[in-house]
Amino acid sequence: KYKRYIATEISEEGVKKLKNKNIDASMMDAMDLKFKDNSFDIVCSFDTMHHVDNPVKMAREMLRVTRKYFFLIEANGICILRKVYERLPKYKETGERSYTPKKYMNFFKSKQLKKISIKPFLYMVPFTPSPLIKLMIKLSETLEQVPILRWQGSSVLIYGEKFL
């Protein structure tokens, strides 16, 4: 059980929405977290790193403020469909960038790390018709067994642990 949960958001509107849900939220840039070193037992990021200008700086900040664990859910850089989308104006406007698993791992290079892992996973497209959900899950689980194809999922989980 956690004692305190704090959310950060880049926009005033986002902070307001979080606070309306009774979540302690502050406006901050992921590349410049206003917390002391080792402030949290775990630091999480959801779909943020592929939007920042300097992912290495964001990774350093995450490692700086976590005492022990970190985890991110991110867009998958090897996914062919994602690479096509990134060429569209809508995606360019939002600063969409995706990276290979190796590149994501390199953002976190640090002697502080005890371990780091990355794993692809299925992202369910919103509004997937109910009859297709089980089929999509089965297809994803099958593709995860094929080394080249498993990285065609739409997201990755990156997680790690610092030395104490």
C-alpha atoms as a PDB file:
ATOM      1  CA  LYS A   1       0.000   0.000   0.000  1.00  0.00           C
ATOM      2  CA  TYR A   2       1.220   3.465  -0.803  1.00  0.00           C
ATOM      3  CA  LYS A   3       1.245   6.399   1.598  1.00  0.00           C
ATOM      4  CA  ARG A   4       1.086   9.137  -1.000  1.00  0.00           C
ATOM      5  CA  TYR A   5       0.432   9.323  -4.712  1.00  0.00           C
ATOM      6  CA  ILE A   6       1.453  12.444  -6.647  1.00  0.00           C
ATOM      7  CA  ALA A   7       0.719  13.040 -10.323  1.00  0.00           C
ATOM      8  CA  THR A   8       2.507  15.494 -12.559  1.00  0.00           C
ATOM      9  CA  GLU A   9       1.072  17.014 -15.691  1.00  0.00           C
ATOM     10  CA  ILE A  10       2.488  19.411 -18.284  1.00  0.00           C
ATOM     11  CA  SER A  11      -0.682  21.503 -18.679  1.00  0.00           C
ATOM     12  CA  GLU A  12      -2.828  23.540 -16.290  1.00  0.00           C
ATOM     13  CA  GLU A  13      -5.921  21.892 -17.774  1.00  0.00           C
ATOM     14  CA  GLY A  14      -4.500  18.436 -17.031  1.00  0.00           C
ATOM     15  CA  VAL A  15      -3.696  19.389 -13.426  1.00  0.00           C
ATOM     16  CA  LYS A  16      -7.229  20.743 -12.984  1.00  0.00           C
ATOM     17  CA  LYS A  17      -8.776  17.508 -14.320  1.00  0.00           C
ATOM     18  CA  LEU A  18      -6.645  15.392 -11.970  1.00  0.00           C
ATOM     19  CA  LYS A  19      -7.473  17.571  -8.976  1.00  0.00           C
ATOM     20  CA  ASN A  20     -11.177  17.295  -9.842  1.00  0.00           C
ATOM     21  CA  LYS A  21     -10.695  13.535  -9.360  1.00  0.00           C
ATOM     22  CA  ASN A  22      -9.131  14.163  -5.928  1.00  0.00           C
ATOM     23  CA  ILE A  23      -5.614  13.347  -7.150  1.00  0.00           C
ATOM     24  CA  ASP A  24      -2.716  15.371  -5.754  1.00  0.00           C
ATOM     25  CA  ALA A  25      -1.329  16.923  -8.945  1.00  0.00           C
ATOM     26  CA  SER A  26       1.295  19.510  -9.847  1.00  0.00           C
ATOM     27  CA  MET A  27       2.248  21.118 -13.124  1.00  0.00           C
ATOM     28  CA  MET A  28       5.743  19.932 -14.069  1.00  0.00           C
ATOM     29  CA  ASP A  29       7.863  19.047 -17.037  1.00  0.00           C
ATOM     30  CA  ALA A  30       8.991  15.395 -17.069  1.00  0.00           C
ATOM     31  CA  MET A  31      12.500  16.601 -17.876  1.00  0.00           C
ATOM     32  CA  ASP A  32      12.621  18.864 -14.792  1.00  0.00           C
ATOM     33  CA  LEU A  33      10.888  17.256 -11.824  1.00  0.00           C
ATOM     34  CA  LYS A  34      10.684  19.551  -8.790  1.00  0.00           C
ATOM     35  CA  PHE A  35      11.224  16.823  -6.214  1.00  0.00           C
ATOM     36  CA  LYS A  36      14.221  16.004  -4.041  1.00  0.00           C
ATOM     37  CA  ASP A  37      16.478  13.064  -4.899  1.00  0.00           C
ATOM     38  CA  ASN A  38      15.045   9.674  -3.883  1.00  0.00           C
ATOM     39  CA  SER A  39      11.632  11.152  -3.030  1.00  0.00           C
ATOM     40  CA  PHE A  40       9.553   8.150  -4.128  1.00  0.00           C
ATOM     41  CA  ASP A  41       9.632   4.372  -3.844  1.00  0.00           C
ATOM     42  CA  ILE A  42       8.355   4.072  -7.413  1.00  0.00           C
ATOM     43  CA  VAL A  43       8.119   6.513 -10.305  1.00  0.00           C
ATOM     44  CA  CYS A  44       5.738   5.738 -13.173  1.00  0.00           C
ATOM     45  CA  SER A  45       5.223   7.329 -16.555  1.00  0.00           C
ATOM     46  CA  PHE A  46       2.400   6.619 -18.936  1.00  0.00           C
ATOM     47  CA  ASP A  47       2.874   7.420 -22.611  1.00  0.00           C
ATOM     48  CA  THR A  48       5.055  10.500 -22.051  1.00  0.00           C
ATOM     49  CA  MET A  49       8.647   9.810 -23.087  1.00  0.00           C
ATOM     50  CA  HIS A  50       7.931   9.705 -26.811  1.00  0.00           C
ATOM     51  CA  HIS A  51       6.642  13.316 -26.573  1.00  0.00           C
ATOM     52  CA  VAL A  52       9.591  14.956 -24.777  1.00  0.00           C
ATOM     53  CA  ASP A  53      12.450  16.715 -26.561  1.00  0.00           C
ATOM     54  CA  ASN A  54      15.146  15.009 -24.513  1.00  0.00           C
ATOM     55  CA  PRO A  55      14.267  11.436 -23.391  1.00  0.00           C
ATOM     56  CA  VAL A  56      17.677  11.005 -21.728  1.00  0.00           C
ATOM     57  CA  LYS A  57      16.963  13.986 -19.482  1.00  0.00           C
ATOM     58  CA  MET A  58      13.542  12.544 -18.595  1.00  0.00           C
ATOM     59  CA  ALA A  59      15.104   9.175 -17.775  1.00  0.00           C
ATOM     60  CA  ARG A  60      17.717  10.854 -15.551  1.00  0.00           C
ATOM     61  CA  GLU A  61      14.984  12.726 -13.706  1.00  0.00           C
ATOM     62  CA  MET A  62      13.004   9.533 -13.141  1.00  0.00           C
ATOM     63  CA  LEU A  63      16.100   7.798 -11.788  1.00  0.00           C
ATOM     64  CA  ARG A  64      16.974  10.806  -9.646  1.00  0.00           C
ATOM     65  CA  VAL A  65      13.610  11.022  -7.868  1.00  0.00           C
ATOM     66  CA  THR A  66      12.983   7.294  -7.400  1.00  0.00           C
ATOM     67  CA  ARG A  67      14.469   5.552  -4.426  1.00  0.00           C
ATOM     68  CA  LYS A  68      14.078   2.078  -5.920  1.00  0.00           C
ATOM     69  CA  TYR A  69      11.735   1.327  -8.871  1.00  0.00           C
ATOM     70  CA  PHE A  70      10.572   2.940 -12.089  1.00  0.00           C
ATOM     71  CA  PHE A  71       8.284   1.931 -14.871  1.00  0.00           C
ATOM     72  CA  LEU A  72       7.010   3.381 -18.090  1.00  0.00           C
ATOM     73  CA  ILE A  73       4.428   2.392 -20.622  1.00  0.00           C
ATOM     74  CA  GLU A  74       5.478   3.751 -23.978  1.00  0.00           C
ATOM     75  CA  ALA A  75       4.852   3.639 -27.692  1.00  0.00           C
ATOM     76  CA  ASN A  76       6.821   0.931 -29.494  1.00  0.00           C
ATOM     77  CA  GLY A  77       9.403   2.220 -31.936  1.00  0.00           C
ATOM     78  CA  ILE A  78       9.694  -0.862 -34.089  1.00  0.00           C
ATOM     79  CA  CYS A  79       5.990  -1.078 -34.888  1.00  0.00           C
ATOM     80  CA  ILE A  80       5.677  -0.433 -38.633  1.00  0.00           C
ATOM     81  CA  LEU A  81       2.200   1.034 -38.321  1.00  0.00           C
ATOM     82  CA  ARG A  82       3.455   3.502 -35.713  1.00  0.00           C
ATOM     83  CA  LYS A  83       6.271   4.633 -37.995  1.00  0.00           C
ATOM     84  CA  VAL A  84       3.702   5.305 -40.743  1.00  0.00           C
ATOM     85  CA  TYR A  85       1.490   7.288 -38.338  1.00  0.00           C
ATOM     86  CA  GLU A  86       4.422   9.449 -37.247  1.00  0.00           C
ATOM     87  CA  ARG A  87       4.613  10.849 -40.773  1.00  0.00           C
ATOM     88  CA  LEU A  88       1.061  12.200 -40.541  1.00  0.00           C
ATOM     89  CA  PRO A  89       0.583  15.896 -39.650  1.00  0.00           C
ATOM     90  CA  LYS A  90      -1.583  15.100 -36.600  1.00  0.00           C
ATOM     91  CA  TYR A  91       1.191  13.001 -35.053  1.00  0.00           C
ATOM     92  CA  LYS A  92       3.915  15.493 -35.972  1.00  0.00           C
ATOM     93  CA  GLU A  93       1.969  18.265 -34.201  1.00  0.00           C
ATOM     94  CA  THR A  94       1.996  16.334 -30.942  1.00  0.00           C
ATOM     95  CA  GLY A  95       5.731  15.666 -31.146  1.00  0.00           C
ATOM     96  CA  GLU A  96       5.276  11.931 -31.618  1.00  0.00           C
ATOM     97  CA  ARG A  97       8.585  10.065 -31.672  1.00  0.00           C
ATOM     98  CA  SER A  98       9.130   6.385 -31.226  1.00  0.00           C
ATOM     99  CA  TYR A  99      12.262   4.479 -30.451  1.00  0.00           C
ATOM    100  CA  THR A 100      13.604   0.986 -30.758  1.00  0.00           C
ATOM    101  CA  PRO A 101      13.798  -1.095 -27.572  1.00  0.00           C
ATOM    102  CA  LYS A 102      17.577  -0.690 -27.563  1.00  0.00           C
ATOM    103  CA  LYS A 103      17.221   3.089 -27.785  1.00  0.00           C
ATOM    104  CA  TYR A 104      14.704   3.156 -24.919  1.00  0.00           C
ATOM    105  CA  MET A 105      17.118   1.089 -22.822  1.00  0.00           C
ATOM    106  CA  ASN A 106      20.003   3.431 -23.658  1.00  0.00           C
ATOM    107  CA  PHE A 107      18.051   6.410 -22.295  1.00  0.00           C
ATOM    108  CA  PHE A 108      18.370   4.781 -18.867  1.00  0.00           C
ATOM    109  CA  LYS A 109      22.072   3.926 -18.927  1.00  0.00           C
ATOM    110  CA  SER A 110      23.252   4.440 -15.385  1.00  0.00           C
ATOM    111  CA  LYS A 111      25.554   2.837 -12.830  1.00  0.00           C
ATOM    112  CA  GLN A 112      22.667   3.278 -10.361  1.00  0.00           C
ATOM    113  CA  LEU A 113      20.654   0.528 -12.052  1.00  0.00           C
ATOM    114  CA  LYS A 114      20.478  -2.947 -10.611  1.00  0.00           C
ATOM    115  CA  LYS A 115      18.308  -4.117 -13.537  1.00  0.00           C
ATOM    116  CA  ILE A 116      16.224  -2.854 -16.434  1.00  0.00           C
ATOM    117  CA  SER A 117      13.830  -4.725 -18.717  1.00  0.00           C
ATOM    118  CA  ILE A 118      11.582  -4.012 -21.658  1.00  0.00           C
ATOM    119  CA  LYS A 119       8.615  -6.034 -22.858  1.00  0.00           C
ATOM    120  CA  PRO A 120       6.117  -5.493 -25.701  1.00  0.00           C
ATOM    121  CA  PHE A 121       2.410  -5.790 -24.981  1.00  0.00           C
ATOM    122  CA  LEU A 122      -0.923  -5.511 -26.688  1.00  0.00           C
ATOM    123  CA  TYR A 123      -2.692  -2.206 -26.793  1.00  0.00           C
ATOM    124  CA  MET A 124      -6.404  -2.666 -27.246  1.00  0.00           C
ATOM    125  CA  VAL A 125      -7.748  -0.187 -29.743  1.00  0.00           C
ATOM    126  CA  PRO A 126     -10.547   1.814 -28.104  1.00  0.00           C
ATOM    127  CA  PHE A 127     -13.999   0.797 -29.260  1.00  0.00           C
ATOM    128  CA  THR A 128     -12.866  -2.651 -30.423  1.00  0.00           C
ATOM    129  CA  PRO A 129     -16.080  -4.595 -31.050  1.00  0.00           C
ATOM    130  CA  SER A 130     -16.665  -7.057 -28.193  1.00  0.00           C
ATOM    131  CA  PRO A 131     -16.717 -10.150 -30.432  1.00  0.00           C
ATOM    132  CA  LEU A 132     -13.180  -9.315 -31.652  1.00  0.00           C
ATOM    133  CA  ILE A 133     -11.510  -8.731 -28.268  1.00  0.00           C
ATOM    134  CA  LYS A 134     -10.740 -12.398 -27.502  1.00  0.00           C
ATOM    135  CA  LEU A 135      -9.458 -12.898 -31.050  1.00  0.00           C
ATOM    136  CA  MET A 136      -7.181  -9.843 -30.778  1.00  0.00           C
ATOM    137  CA  ILE A 137      -5.783 -11.044 -27.457  1.00  0.00           C
ATOM    138  CA  LYS A 138      -5.122 -14.532 -28.851  1.00  0.00           C
ATOM    139  CA  LEU A 139      -3.448 -13.044 -31.935  1.00  0.00           C
ATOM    140  CA  SER A 140      -1.266 -10.795 -29.781  1.00  0.00           C
ATOM    141  CA  GLU A 141      -0.236 -13.654 -27.485  1.00  0.00           C
ATOM    142  CA  THR A 142       0.670 -15.743 -30.532  1.00  0.00           C
ATOM    143  CA  LEU A 143       2.692 -12.915 -32.115  1.00  0.00           C
ATOM    144  CA  GLU A 144       4.590 -12.376 -28.854  1.00  0.00           C
ATOM    145  CA  GLN A 145       6.087 -15.845 -29.353  1.00  0.00           C
ATOM    146  CA  VAL A 146       7.676 -14.865 -32.705  1.00  0.00           C
ATOM    147  CA  PRO A 147      10.844 -12.799 -32.084  1.00  0.00           C
ATOM    148  CA  ILE A 148      10.531 -10.363 -35.003  1.00  0.00           C
ATOM    149  CA  LEU A 149       6.753 -10.039 -34.885  1.00  0.00           C
ATOM    150  CA  ARG A 150       6.440  -9.586 -31.140  1.00  0.00           C
ATOM    151  CA  TRP A 151       7.718  -6.029 -31.421  1.00  0.00           C
ATOM    152  CA  GLN A 152       4.885  -5.099 -33.771  1.00  0.00           C
ATOM    153  CA  GLY A 153       2.587  -4.586 -30.793  1.00  0.00           C
ATOM    154  CA  SER A 154       1.765  -0.980 -30.149  1.00  0.00           C
ATOM    155  CA  SER A 155       3.284  -0.506 -26.701  1.00  0.00           C
ATOM    156  CA  VAL A 156       6.143  -1.508 -24.446  1.00  0.00           C
ATOM    157  CA  LEU A 157       6.613  -1.751 -20.710  1.00  0.00           C
ATOM    158  CA  ILE A 158       9.992  -0.522 -19.488  1.00  0.00           C
ATOM    159  CA  TYR A 159      10.806  -1.200 -15.865  1.00  0.00           C
ATOM    160  CA  GLY A 160      13.804  -1.252 -13.627  1.00  0.00           C
ATOM    161  CA  GLU A 161      15.294  -1.166 -10.197  1.00  0.00           C
ATOM    162  CA  LYS A 162      18.041   0.963  -8.675  1.00  0.00           C
ATOM    163  CA  PHE A 163      20.644  -0.257  -6.230  1.00  0.00           C
ATOM    164  CA  LEU A 164      19.779   0.852  -2.700  1.00  0.00           C
END
